[in-house]
Each structure stands twice: as C-alpha cells, then as structure tokens.
C-alpha cells in the first residue's frame, strides 16, 4: 500500500532513533502530572498539565500555543496550537486528543506508582501512557521528523491541535468550546489520536464511531403505594407497565421495534462487510473478555457488525416498588426505566428522541402518567472508505508498518470526535497505535514503545501526503473574488 521511497523511510527512522531518549524523557515528565479531570482535588494538576503541554508545543516550534478556558472558567482547560504552512493553498488539518486521565491509585492493583512512569522491557507503564498522553505526544516528534525529512521550516499543511481536558469526565464543555472557537478551529480534515489498532500484528485504521442517546422514563400510577389485596388487579400498576415497555423494545429477531428507528441508518456495503470479515476475530475469546456465555443481537449480522455498524437499544436499568428484604404486598406508585441507544451514520438524535417519546406514549395504558428526560446526545461519525484523507492515513500507517496491508475497523463506543465533525463540517479520521492489551482505564496501563514510535513515524509522512490528497485551499485572490 505504501509507495514512500525507502530512503525517506530510513531517514525518518534514523531521526526518531536519534531523538528517542529525549522524547521519552519529556513524555515521562508529562505523565507524572496526575491530570485526573473527574476528581476536583486534581483540578490544579489538570491546569498544570495543560500549561506543560502548551509550553512543550511552543518548544516544538508551534508559533501559537494557548491554554483555552472552558465553561467560563468552571471547566478544565484545553490546549490549542497552530502552525501555519506558509503555502497559500495548503489544506488545514486539526489534530484532536485529550490530556486528562482516569483516576488511578497503587491500591487499585497497580504494580508500580501509576504517576511514576516505568519502562519494563519495551513497555512504558503509567496512567495516560496510551490514553491519551502518549498518543497526543507522538505528534510533537512526528512533526519535527516531517520537517527534517522535507527540509521545510513549517508543515506541509496548516497544522492545528486541540487537546481537551475533560474527555475522561464526559467532555462536558467540549461542544460549546468548539462552537465558540469555530473560526479558529476550521479545518479540511480532523485527525483523532485517541484510538487504537486491532492488535500488535494487525495494524488498522478506525473509520467511525457510533453516537449515543440516553433517557430515563418515570412512570406514575396511583398517588401512593396501595394495598395489593384491596386494589391489586383493579388499578394500573406502573411496574407492570415498565416491564411491558421493556419487553416490547425488541422483536424476536432482536430488532428495535420503535417506528422509524431504522429509517435513516446507513447500511453496510458489501465491501465493508468483506473488510470486517477479514479481521482475525475469535468470538470465543471475545466472549471471555465480555464475561458472557453467549452472543445475542440483531439477526442477519455478525458480532462485529452489531457492535460497530448497527444501531442498538439497551435497557440500562429498570426498577419500581419495594426493593428491600422480604415481601411487601403493594401496587407501587412509580417505576423507572433507563434506556440508551447507540446510533450509526445518518441517524439523527433529535429524530430518535421524538420517535421514543411517541412510542412510549402509545404503549402506556390509561391511568399511567409518565415523563421522559433525555441526556445530551453524541452524534455518530463515519468516514467513507474511499475518502482521500482516509487513504492518506492508511498509506502513512502502511509506511510505518513496513508496507503492511492496513485493515479498517470501527468503534462501537462514542466520543466527542463527532462534535468536531458536526460543528466544523470536516471529515474525522482516526490515527492511533494503542492495542487492547494497553489496559485503558485499568491498573497497569501501558504503551508498547515500538508502536508509539510507529505513531511518530506515521505522522512524519502523513502531513506531506495530506497536503496533496486533500483539496487545495483557495488562494487569497480566489477568496476575495468569492466575496465580491
């Protein structure tokens, strides 16, 4: 897949090897900052992490490196950096990642202090080593290798970075941040380096993530709990209504029964299904990881297709009435159901919400009142296989992995990348080198150093490739003419 000259490949590898020790020393210094956004006590550390990164990006060569406040100062700070190409028609690329990390403590099961990086063999252990500081930081050495290879004094693309500080605590203020700085974040493509590969021996590029919407439904029956002997069988029971609602959510083929649910779903193409089938997926091992005893899902689709490319409805919780020890013979006054929906390309969370509200209202018996509260949704994002930017990412990854065939995956979860696609109107590409054994969010998180440096190598080649793969930006004269 790669057509990069071998001399360029060897030059970049030599450059990386020459700077490897200093690069790892700097990364270790950053990893020592416990930037845990979910814990208020670490708010000063999250700020210190942002300031450290901004200073390091300035040292790398970015002429602009700023700490951006979020939530009018109530949120965790993000970092923005920009390095203009100097070429009037160069496209613009925005790199996204995050500098906050999950909570971690030695007593959680860590073999070493989670915030004192340790290299054992060819692995670097520390909280954030893979998720996401390591994958953010490889861009600093990657852009320097790119400049050394090309002899340029600025990247071949207008390069921007947005590194948020709240991803591990829900990206609460992220969309507002992107909307507020829309003009400065404008880009022709977005590169997300907060993802991974199938395995150490199967390099892959992710092409999309599902969106998510969730809601809590509260059902109200009588104004108070009632004696089931005096009133049971003669008044509507909200717990029974909740059970019937949940039971009606799927049909016998595990398809969601909400009218219109599948209307806008982007169906898998034959080629996409072929590429998914090529992956070395072991269902028995997957079940072991899931700690489940069987697979179950929408008929006609494989397990990977279900978790990557099909929309779902899940019951996250159901309850009502007496939950204590022993019996309590009542008709409960209330019941609750919590649902979440994973969405795929072309599905609109607003349309889903309207459909759910109509479906619930139509299924409840007289005498059962209800209210539904939806959380803030995340939209799905998907980059078509033929998109030139995606092909550039795949070529650069192939170059880094000695010409290996790059396969394509998706992610079943959801993240803030979709906000960038939605607000900026730019395609989102994923370039990550983490592997499942890295243990994101778990004790003893690590990153494979060989793969981390493959990330450096891939980005060293990517900016030149994207400079020609993406449409050229309009010249100043063309832009002025368009305004006349």
Protein backbone atom coordinates (compact mmCIF):
# COMPACT_ATOMS: atom_id res chain seq x y z
CA UNK A 1 0.00 0.00 0.00
CA UNK A 2 2.87 2.37 0.81
CA UNK A 3 4.78 4.00 -2.05
CA UNK A 4 7.12 6.10 0.11
CA UNK A 5 10.75 5.76 -1.05
CA UNK A 6 12.83 3.52 1.18
CA UNK A 7 15.38 6.31 1.66
CA UNK A 8 12.68 8.53 3.20
CA UNK A 9 11.55 5.69 5.46
CA UNK A 10 15.09 5.08 6.70
CA UNK A 11 15.77 8.79 7.18
CA UNK A 12 12.69 9.18 9.39
CA UNK A 13 13.56 6.10 11.42
CA UNK A 14 17.09 7.33 11.99
CA UNK A 15 15.78 10.73 13.08
CA UNK A 16 13.35 9.13 15.51
CA UNK A 17 16.03 6.88 16.98
CA UNK A 18 18.32 9.90 17.42
CA UNK A 19 15.65 11.74 19.42
CA UNK A 20 14.02 8.76 21.12
CA UNK A 21 15.58 9.20 24.57
CA UNK A 22 14.70 12.90 24.85
CA UNK A 23 11.18 12.23 23.56
CA UNK A 24 10.56 9.55 26.20
CA UNK A 25 12.04 11.71 28.94
CA UNK A 26 9.64 14.52 28.04
CA UNK A 27 6.67 12.17 27.87
CA UNK A 28 7.55 10.74 31.29
CA UNK A 29 7.66 14.26 32.72
CA UNK A 30 4.14 14.91 31.41
CA UNK A 31 2.85 11.56 32.66
CA UNK A 32 3.96 12.45 36.19
CA UNK A 33 1.28 15.15 36.30
CA UNK A 34 -1.88 13.46 37.71
CA UNK A 35 -4.35 15.30 35.46
CA UNK A 36 -7.47 13.48 36.69
CA UNK A 37 -10.36 15.64 35.49
CA UNK A 38 -13.03 13.64 37.33
CA UNK A 39 -11.62 14.49 40.77
CA UNK A 40 -11.91 18.15 41.89
CA UNK A 41 -8.81 17.80 44.06
CA UNK A 42 -6.77 17.34 40.88
CA UNK A 43 -8.08 20.46 39.12
CA UNK A 44 -4.73 22.26 39.67
CA UNK A 45 -2.95 19.25 38.13
CA UNK A 46 -5.18 19.33 35.06
CA UNK A 47 -4.30 23.00 34.63
CA UNK A 48 -0.62 22.26 35.17
CA UNK A 49 -0.86 19.54 32.50
CA UNK A 50 -2.37 21.99 30.00
CA UNK A 51 0.29 24.59 30.73
CA UNK A 52 3.05 21.99 30.43
CA UNK A 53 1.77 20.89 27.02
CA UNK A 54 1.37 24.44 25.72
CA UNK A 55 4.97 25.20 26.70
CA UNK A 56 6.23 21.98 25.09
CA UNK A 57 4.35 22.72 21.84
CA UNK A 58 5.98 26.16 21.76
CA UNK A 59 9.35 24.47 22.26
CA UNK A 60 8.49 22.06 19.42
CA UNK A 61 8.04 25.01 17.07
CA UNK A 62 4.35 25.89 17.09
CA UNK A 63 4.18 29.70 16.84
CA UNK A 64 0.78 29.64 18.56
CA UNK A 65 0.16 27.57 21.70
CA UNK A 66 -2.61 28.67 24.04
CA UNK A 67 -4.48 27.38 27.08
CA UNK A 68 -8.22 27.76 26.48
CA UNK A 69 -10.67 28.06 29.32
CA UNK A 70 -13.91 26.07 29.22
CA UNK A 71 -17.28 26.60 30.88
CA UNK A 72 -16.44 30.26 31.57
CA UNK A 73 -13.58 29.05 33.72
CA UNK A 74 -15.58 26.40 35.54
CA UNK A 75 -14.36 23.56 33.33
CA UNK A 76 -10.96 22.00 32.74
CA UNK A 77 -8.64 23.86 30.34
CA UNK A 78 -7.91 22.73 26.81
CA UNK A 79 -4.82 23.43 24.71
CA UNK A 80 -4.89 24.93 21.22
CA UNK A 81 -1.84 25.15 18.97
CA UNK A 82 -1.38 26.26 15.38
CA UNK A 83 1.49 26.09 12.90
CA UNK A 84 0.64 27.69 9.53
CA UNK A 85 2.18 26.04 6.50
CA UNK A 86 3.17 29.22 4.73
CA UNK A 87 1.75 27.80 1.48
CA UNK A 88 -1.25 29.85 0.38
CA UNK A 89 -3.17 26.83 -0.89
CA UNK A 90 -2.19 24.29 1.76
CA UNK A 91 -5.13 22.44 3.35
CA UNK A 92 -5.73 22.67 7.09
CA UNK A 93 -5.67 19.67 9.43
CA UNK A 94 -6.81 19.66 13.07
CA UNK A 95 -5.46 17.03 15.48
CA UNK A 96 -7.68 16.11 18.45
CA UNK A 97 -6.70 14.37 21.66
CA UNK A 98 -7.00 14.86 25.43
CA UNK A 99 -4.56 15.47 28.26
CA UNK A 100 -6.74 14.43 31.19
CA UNK A 101 -6.59 10.88 32.53
CA UNK A 102 -8.64 8.39 34.50
CA UNK A 103 -8.25 8.13 38.28
CA UNK A 104 -5.51 5.76 39.41
CA UNK A 105 -4.02 4.64 42.72
CA UNK A 106 -1.48 1.97 43.67
CA UNK A 107 -4.11 0.14 45.76
CA UNK A 108 -6.27 -0.35 42.64
CA UNK A 109 -3.93 -3.14 41.61
CA UNK A 110 -1.03 -1.27 40.05
CA UNK A 111 2.36 -2.94 40.26
CA UNK A 112 4.06 0.47 40.29
CA UNK A 113 3.07 4.04 41.11
CA UNK A 114 0.63 4.99 38.29
CA UNK A 115 2.08 8.50 38.09
CA UNK A 116 5.73 7.50 38.15
CA UNK A 117 6.41 6.16 34.63
CA UNK A 118 8.40 2.95 34.43
CA UNK A 119 9.88 1.27 31.37
CA UNK A 120 9.98 -2.50 31.66
CA UNK A 121 11.29 -4.24 28.59
CA UNK A 122 9.75 -2.42 25.66
CA UNK A 123 6.71 -1.12 27.54
CA UNK A 124 6.09 2.17 29.28
CA UNK A 125 3.75 1.85 32.27
CA UNK A 126 1.86 4.88 33.59
CA UNK A 127 -1.64 6.30 33.71
CA UNK A 128 -2.11 8.10 30.40
CA UNK A 129 0.70 6.25 28.61
CA UNK A 130 -1.75 5.12 25.93
CA UNK A 131 -4.93 7.03 26.82
CA UNK A 132 -4.14 9.62 25.73
CA UNK A 133 -0.94 11.48 26.53
CA UNK A 134 1.31 9.06 24.66
CA UNK A 135 -0.79 9.29 21.52
CA UNK A 136 -1.00 13.07 21.73
CA UNK A 137 2.70 13.45 22.35
CA UNK A 138 3.88 11.40 19.38
CA UNK A 139 2.73 14.31 17.20
CA UNK A 140 5.47 16.54 18.63
CA UNK A 141 8.29 14.31 17.40
CA UNK A 142 6.33 13.40 14.27
CA UNK A 143 6.10 16.98 13.02
CA UNK A 144 9.80 17.55 13.72
CA UNK A 145 10.68 14.41 11.75
CA UNK A 146 8.42 15.64 8.94
CA UNK A 147 10.31 18.95 8.80
CA UNK A 148 13.69 17.23 8.89
CA UNK A 149 12.68 14.88 6.07
CA UNK A 150 11.23 17.56 3.80
CA UNK A 151 13.63 20.38 4.62
CA UNK A 152 10.67 22.61 5.35
CA UNK A 153 10.53 25.23 8.09
CA UNK A 154 6.78 24.73 8.55
CA UNK A 155 4.50 21.72 7.99
CA UNK A 156 3.15 20.88 4.54
CA UNK A 157 -0.37 21.51 5.91
CA UNK A 158 -1.70 24.21 8.18
CA UNK A 159 -1.45 22.17 11.35
CA UNK A 160 -3.70 22.77 14.37
CA UNK A 161 -4.07 20.86 17.64
CA UNK A 162 -6.98 20.84 20.07
CA UNK A 163 -6.21 18.82 23.19
CA UNK A 164 -9.10 18.86 25.67
CA UNK A 165 -9.00 18.42 29.41
CA UNK A 166 -12.39 16.86 30.14
CA UNK A 167 -12.66 13.78 27.92
CA UNK A 168 -12.39 11.37 30.84
CA UNK A 169 -15.16 13.17 32.70
CA UNK A 170 -17.68 13.43 29.87
CA UNK A 171 -16.41 16.31 27.69
CA UNK A 172 -18.98 18.46 29.46
CA UNK A 173 -17.95 21.74 27.87
CA UNK A 174 -16.38 20.45 24.68
CA UNK A 175 -19.08 21.18 22.14
CA UNK A 176 -19.55 24.69 23.48
CA UNK A 177 -15.78 25.20 23.23
CA UNK A 178 -15.73 24.05 19.59
CA UNK A 179 -18.71 26.23 18.71
CA UNK A 180 -17.18 29.29 20.39
CA UNK A 181 -13.86 28.85 18.56
CA UNK A 182 -15.33 27.53 15.31
CA UNK A 183 -13.45 30.02 13.13
CA UNK A 184 -10.05 29.29 14.66
CA UNK A 185 -10.65 25.53 14.55
CA UNK A 186 -11.81 25.47 10.92
CA UNK A 187 -10.16 22.58 9.09
CA UNK A 188 -10.40 20.44 5.97
CA UNK A 189 -9.90 17.26 8.00
CA UNK A 190 -9.68 16.20 11.64
CA UNK A 191 -7.22 13.59 12.87
CA UNK A 192 -8.23 11.91 16.14
CA UNK A 193 -5.37 10.28 18.03
CA UNK A 194 -7.41 8.76 20.83
CA UNK A 195 -7.98 5.32 19.42
CA UNK A 196 -6.19 2.09 18.70
CA UNK A 197 -5.46 -0.81 16.41
CA UNK A 198 -6.79 -4.34 16.24
CA UNK A 199 -3.55 -5.86 17.55
CA UNK A 200 0.23 -5.58 17.51
CA UNK A 201 0.36 -7.71 14.36
CA UNK A 202 -2.73 -6.36 12.60
CA UNK A 203 -2.37 -2.62 12.03
CA UNK A 204 -5.72 -0.96 11.42
CA UNK A 205 -7.35 2.41 10.93
CA UNK A 206 -10.70 3.20 12.53
CA UNK A 207 -13.27 4.71 10.18
CA UNK A 208 -16.03 5.76 12.57
CA UNK A 209 -17.74 5.73 15.92
CA UNK A 210 -21.35 5.27 16.90
CA UNK A 211 -23.33 8.03 18.52
CA UNK A 212 -25.35 7.67 21.69
CA UNK A 213 -28.54 9.00 23.22
CA UNK A 214 -29.94 8.04 26.60
CA UNK A 215 -33.09 8.68 28.57
CA UNK A 216 -34.81 7.96 31.85
CA UNK A 217 -38.53 7.19 31.79
CA UNK A 218 -40.50 7.60 35.01
CA UNK A 219 -43.96 6.06 35.19
CA UNK A 220 -46.57 7.23 37.69
CA UNK A 221 -49.61 5.21 38.74
CA UNK A 222 -51.56 5.86 41.95
CA UNK A 223 -50.51 8.83 44.05
CA UNK A 224 -49.19 6.48 46.73
CA UNK A 225 -48.34 2.80 47.17
CA UNK A 226 -51.56 0.81 47.54
CA UNK A 227 -52.51 -2.43 49.33
CA UNK A 228 -52.39 -5.13 46.64
CA UNK A 229 -55.27 -7.03 48.21
CA UNK A 230 -57.60 -4.06 48.28
CA UNK A 231 -56.54 -2.51 44.97
CA UNK A 232 -54.41 -5.01 43.01
CA UNK A 233 -55.94 -6.12 39.74
CA UNK A 234 -58.25 -3.10 39.72
CA UNK A 235 -55.84 -0.19 39.07
CA UNK A 236 -52.91 0.15 36.65
CA UNK A 237 -49.51 -0.88 38.03
CA UNK A 238 -46.57 1.26 36.82
CA UNK A 239 -44.06 -1.54 37.46
CA UNK A 240 -46.06 -3.85 35.21
CA UNK A 241 -46.24 -1.09 32.59
CA UNK A 242 -42.45 -0.68 32.81
CA UNK A 243 -41.90 -4.41 32.32
CA UNK A 244 -44.21 -4.48 29.30
CA UNK A 245 -42.48 -1.44 27.83
CA UNK A 246 -39.08 -3.07 28.13
CA UNK A 247 -40.35 -6.39 26.77
CA UNK A 248 -41.75 -4.63 23.72
CA UNK A 249 -38.50 -2.85 22.85
CA UNK A 250 -37.21 -5.71 20.64
CA UNK A 251 -38.89 -8.27 18.41
CA UNK A 252 -38.00 -11.96 18.09
CA UNK A 253 -35.10 -11.06 15.76
CA UNK A 254 -33.69 -8.59 18.29
CA UNK A 255 -34.64 -5.65 16.07
CA UNK A 256 -35.75 -2.46 17.77
CA UNK A 257 -39.50 -2.01 17.42
CA UNK A 258 -39.68 1.77 17.73
CA UNK A 259 -41.32 3.00 14.48
CA UNK A 260 -38.84 4.80 12.24
CA UNK A 261 -35.81 3.64 14.22
CA UNK A 262 -34.03 2.24 11.15
CA UNK A 263 -35.28 4.76 8.57
CA UNK A 264 -32.02 6.73 8.24
CA UNK A 265 -29.50 4.02 9.03
CA UNK A 266 -26.51 3.91 6.66
CA UNK A 267 -26.44 0.24 5.70
CA UNK A 268 -23.18 -1.65 5.45
CA UNK A 269 -21.94 -2.09 1.90
CA UNK A 270 -20.83 -5.49 0.65
CA UNK A 271 -17.24 -4.23 0.64
CA UNK A 272 -17.47 -3.02 4.23
CA UNK A 273 -18.79 -6.39 5.34
CA UNK A 274 -15.96 -8.14 3.48
CA UNK A 275 -13.36 -5.97 5.24
CA UNK A 276 -14.87 -6.66 8.65
CA UNK A 277 -14.91 -10.39 7.88
CA UNK A 278 -11.18 -10.29 7.04
CA UNK A 279 -10.26 -9.37 10.61
CA UNK A 280 -8.96 -12.25 12.77
CA UNK A 281 -11.92 -12.20 15.15
CA UNK A 282 -12.17 -15.01 17.71
CA UNK A 283 -15.68 -14.99 19.11
CA UNK A 284 -14.87 -17.37 21.96
CA UNK A 285 -12.06 -15.09 23.16
CA UNK A 286 -14.33 -12.09 22.78
CA UNK A 287 -16.94 -13.76 24.97
CA UNK A 288 -14.28 -14.49 27.57
CA UNK A 289 -13.36 -10.81 27.64
CA UNK A 290 -17.04 -9.89 27.87
CA UNK A 291 -17.55 -12.45 30.66
CA UNK A 292 -20.70 -13.51 28.84
CA UNK A 293 -21.87 -17.01 27.97
CA UNK A 294 -23.44 -16.34 24.57
CA UNK A 295 -23.81 -13.73 21.87
CA UNK A 296 -27.17 -12.21 21.06
CA UNK A 297 -28.16 -9.45 18.71
CA UNK A 298 -29.90 -8.34 15.55
CA UNK A 299 -30.47 -11.27 13.22
CA UNK A 300 -28.51 -11.30 9.98
CA UNK A 301 -25.39 -9.57 11.32
CA UNK A 302 -22.12 -10.79 12.79
CA UNK A 303 -20.95 -9.79 16.24
CA UNK A 304 -18.52 -7.17 14.93
CA UNK A 305 -21.15 -5.75 12.58
CA UNK A 306 -23.56 -5.46 15.50
CA UNK A 307 -21.16 -3.57 17.77
CA UNK A 308 -19.62 -1.36 15.09
CA UNK A 309 -22.22 -0.62 12.45
CA UNK A 310 -25.72 -1.36 13.72
CA UNK A 311 -27.88 0.82 15.96
CA UNK A 312 -28.97 -0.63 19.27
CA UNK A 313 -31.36 -0.07 22.15
CA UNK A 314 -30.27 -1.25 25.58
CA UNK A 315 -32.10 -1.42 28.89
CA UNK A 316 -29.61 0.06 31.36
CA UNK A 317 -31.88 -0.20 34.36
CA UNK A 318 -35.42 -0.99 35.45
CA UNK A 319 -37.00 -0.62 38.83
CA UNK A 320 -40.08 0.23 40.84
CA UNK A 321 -41.85 -0.60 44.04
CA UNK A 322 -40.41 -2.34 47.07
CA UNK A 323 -36.76 -3.47 46.82
CA UNK A 324 -35.98 -4.38 50.44
CA UNK A 325 -35.76 -7.79 52.13
CA UNK A 326 -38.89 -9.87 52.39
CA UNK A 327 -42.20 -9.11 50.78
CA UNK A 328 -44.36 -6.02 50.69
CA UNK A 329 -47.70 -6.54 49.02
CA UNK A 330 -48.27 -3.26 47.21
CA UNK A 331 -49.19 -1.70 43.92
CA UNK A 332 -46.25 0.73 43.64
CA UNK A 333 -46.81 4.39 42.90
CA UNK A 334 -43.87 4.71 40.48
CA UNK A 335 -41.44 2.79 38.29
CA UNK A 336 -38.39 3.75 36.24
CA UNK A 337 -36.68 2.59 33.08
CA UNK A 338 -33.29 3.76 31.83
CA UNK A 339 -32.55 3.27 28.12
CA UNK A 340 -29.60 4.06 25.87
CA UNK A 341 -29.41 3.99 22.10
CA UNK A 342 -26.25 3.60 20.03
CA UNK A 343 -26.63 5.39 16.71
CA UNK A 344 -24.89 4.84 13.40
CA UNK A 345 -24.17 7.09 10.43
CA UNK A 346 -27.08 9.23 9.20
CA UNK A 347 -29.19 8.71 12.32
CA UNK A 348 -30.31 11.96 13.95
CA UNK A 349 -30.55 12.03 17.79
CA UNK A 350 -33.38 14.59 17.61
CA UNK A 351 -35.48 12.33 15.39
CA UNK A 352 -34.74 9.41 17.69
CA UNK A 353 -35.91 11.36 20.73
CA UNK A 354 -39.19 12.25 19.04
CA UNK A 355 -39.72 8.62 17.99
CA UNK A 356 -39.07 7.33 21.51
CA UNK A 357 -41.47 9.82 23.04
CA UNK A 358 -44.22 8.83 20.60
CA UNK A 359 -43.58 5.11 21.13
CA UNK A 360 -43.72 5.32 24.92
CA UNK A 361 -46.88 7.41 24.90
CA UNK A 362 -48.61 4.97 22.56
CA UNK A 363 -47.79 1.89 24.70
CA UNK A 364 -48.87 3.03 28.14
CA UNK A 365 -52.33 2.19 29.49
CA UNK A 366 -54.79 4.79 30.75
CA UNK A 367 -54.01 5.85 34.28
CA UNK A 368 -50.22 5.69 33.84
CA UNK A 369 -48.65 9.11 33.56
CA UNK A 370 -45.04 9.48 32.51
CA UNK A 371 -42.13 11.81 31.93
CA UNK A 372 -39.01 11.26 29.83
CA UNK A 373 -35.70 13.05 30.38
CA UNK A 374 -33.02 12.75 27.68
CA UNK A 375 -29.35 13.44 28.26
CA UNK A 376 -27.14 15.36 25.85
CA UNK A 377 -26.62 13.12 22.79
CA UNK A 378 -23.45 12.35 20.86
CA UNK A 379 -23.77 12.11 17.10
CA UNK A 380 -22.24 9.24 15.10
CA UNK A 381 -19.36 9.86 12.72
CA UNK A 382 -18.20 7.82 9.73
CA UNK A 383 -15.58 8.42 7.04
CA UNK A 384 -16.25 6.62 3.73
CA UNK A 385 -13.60 4.09 2.76
CA UNK A 386 -12.82 5.96 -0.44
CA UNK A 387 -12.23 9.34 1.17
CA UNK A 388 -8.81 10.70 0.08
CA UNK A 389 -7.88 11.74 3.61
CA UNK A 390 -8.61 8.25 4.92
CA UNK A 391 -6.48 6.75 2.18
CA UNK A 392 -3.65 9.12 3.14
CA UNK A 393 -3.84 7.97 6.77
CA UNK A 394 -3.80 4.33 5.63
CA UNK A 395 -0.78 4.93 3.38
CA UNK A 396 1.14 6.63 6.18
CA UNK A 397 0.34 3.79 8.58
CA UNK A 398 1.42 1.27 5.96
CA UNK A 399 4.72 3.09 5.54
CA UNK A 400 5.30 2.97 9.28
CA UNK A 401 4.50 -0.75 9.37
CA UNK A 402 6.87 -1.76 6.56
CA UNK A 403 4.28 -1.79 3.79
CA UNK A 404 1.78 -3.93 5.71
CA UNK A 405 -1.79 -4.08 4.49
CA UNK A 406 -3.85 -1.71 6.62
CA UNK A 407 -7.26 -3.01 7.55
CA UNK A 408 -10.23 -0.98 8.68
CA UNK A 409 -12.27 -1.11 11.86
CA UNK A 410 -14.94 0.94 13.58
CA UNK A 411 -15.57 1.66 17.24
CA UNK A 412 -18.76 0.63 18.98
CA UNK A 413 -18.49 3.33 21.61
CA UNK A 414 -18.96 7.06 21.29
CA UNK A 415 -16.82 10.13 21.82
CA UNK A 416 -16.51 13.87 21.26
CA UNK A 417 -14.98 13.43 17.80
CA UNK A 418 -18.49 13.58 16.36
CA UNK A 419 -18.86 17.13 17.71
CA UNK A 420 -15.87 18.19 15.63
CA UNK A 421 -17.40 16.66 12.51
CA UNK A 422 -20.79 18.17 13.27
CA UNK A 423 -19.66 21.70 14.14
CA UNK A 424 -16.73 22.06 11.75
CA UNK A 425 -18.21 20.10 8.85
CA UNK A 426 -14.91 18.28 8.32
CA UNK A 427 -14.29 14.55 7.93
CA UNK A 428 -12.91 12.81 11.00
CA UNK A 429 -10.03 10.36 10.60
CA UNK A 430 -8.56 8.18 13.33
CA UNK A 431 -4.83 7.58 13.73
CA UNK A 432 -3.94 5.60 16.81
CA UNK A 433 -1.41 2.94 17.75
CA UNK A 434 -2.78 1.61 21.03
CA UNK A 435 -3.68 -2.08 21.33
CA UNK A 436 -6.27 -3.84 23.53
CA UNK A 437 -3.63 -5.09 25.98
CA UNK A 438 -2.69 -1.48 26.86
CA UNK A 439 -5.38 -1.53 29.54
CA UNK A 440 -7.09 1.82 29.13
CA UNK A 441 -8.79 2.85 32.40
CA UNK A 442 -7.36 -0.24 34.11
CA UNK A 443 -4.48 -0.84 36.52
CA UNK A 444 -1.03 -1.12 34.90
CA UNK A 445 -1.93 0.90 31.79
CA UNK A 446 0.98 0.79 29.35
CA UNK A 447 2.02 1.59 25.82
CA UNK A 448 4.18 -0.54 23.56
CA UNK A 449 7.20 1.66 22.77
CA UNK A 450 7.70 0.18 19.30
CA UNK A 451 4.12 1.05 18.43
CA UNK A 452 4.37 4.51 19.99
CA UNK A 453 7.28 5.25 17.69
CA UNK A 454 5.29 3.84 14.76
CA UNK A 455 2.81 6.62 15.53
CA UNK A 456 5.64 9.14 15.30
CA UNK A 457 6.72 7.63 12.00
CA UNK A 458 3.23 7.62 10.51
CA UNK A 459 2.67 11.31 11.27
CA UNK A 460 6.09 12.19 9.87
CA UNK A 461 4.85 11.01 6.47
CA UNK A 462 1.18 11.98 6.84
CA UNK A 463 1.40 15.75 6.52
CA UNK A 464 3.05 15.66 3.09
CA UNK A 465 0.54 13.06 1.90
CA UNK A 466 -2.45 15.06 3.13
CA UNK A 467 -1.10 18.22 1.53
CA UNK A 468 -1.76 16.65 -1.86
CA UNK A 469 -4.62 14.27 -1.01
CA UNK A 470 -6.91 16.99 0.31
CA UNK A 471 -8.33 19.68 -1.99
CA UNK A 472 -6.14 22.75 -2.12
CA UNK A 473 -7.37 25.71 -0.11
CA UNK A 474 -8.45 28.72 -2.21
CA UNK A 475 -5.82 31.35 -2.75
CA UNK A 476 -6.28 34.81 -1.27
CA UNK A 477 -7.26 36.14 -4.71
CA UNK A 478 -9.85 33.38 -5.14
CA UNK A 479 -11.27 34.03 -1.68
CA UNK A 480 -11.56 37.75 -2.40
CA UNK A 481 -13.26 37.04 -5.72
CA UNK A 482 -15.77 34.77 -3.97
CA UNK A 483 -16.72 37.60 -1.64
CA UNK A 484 -17.34 40.10 -4.46
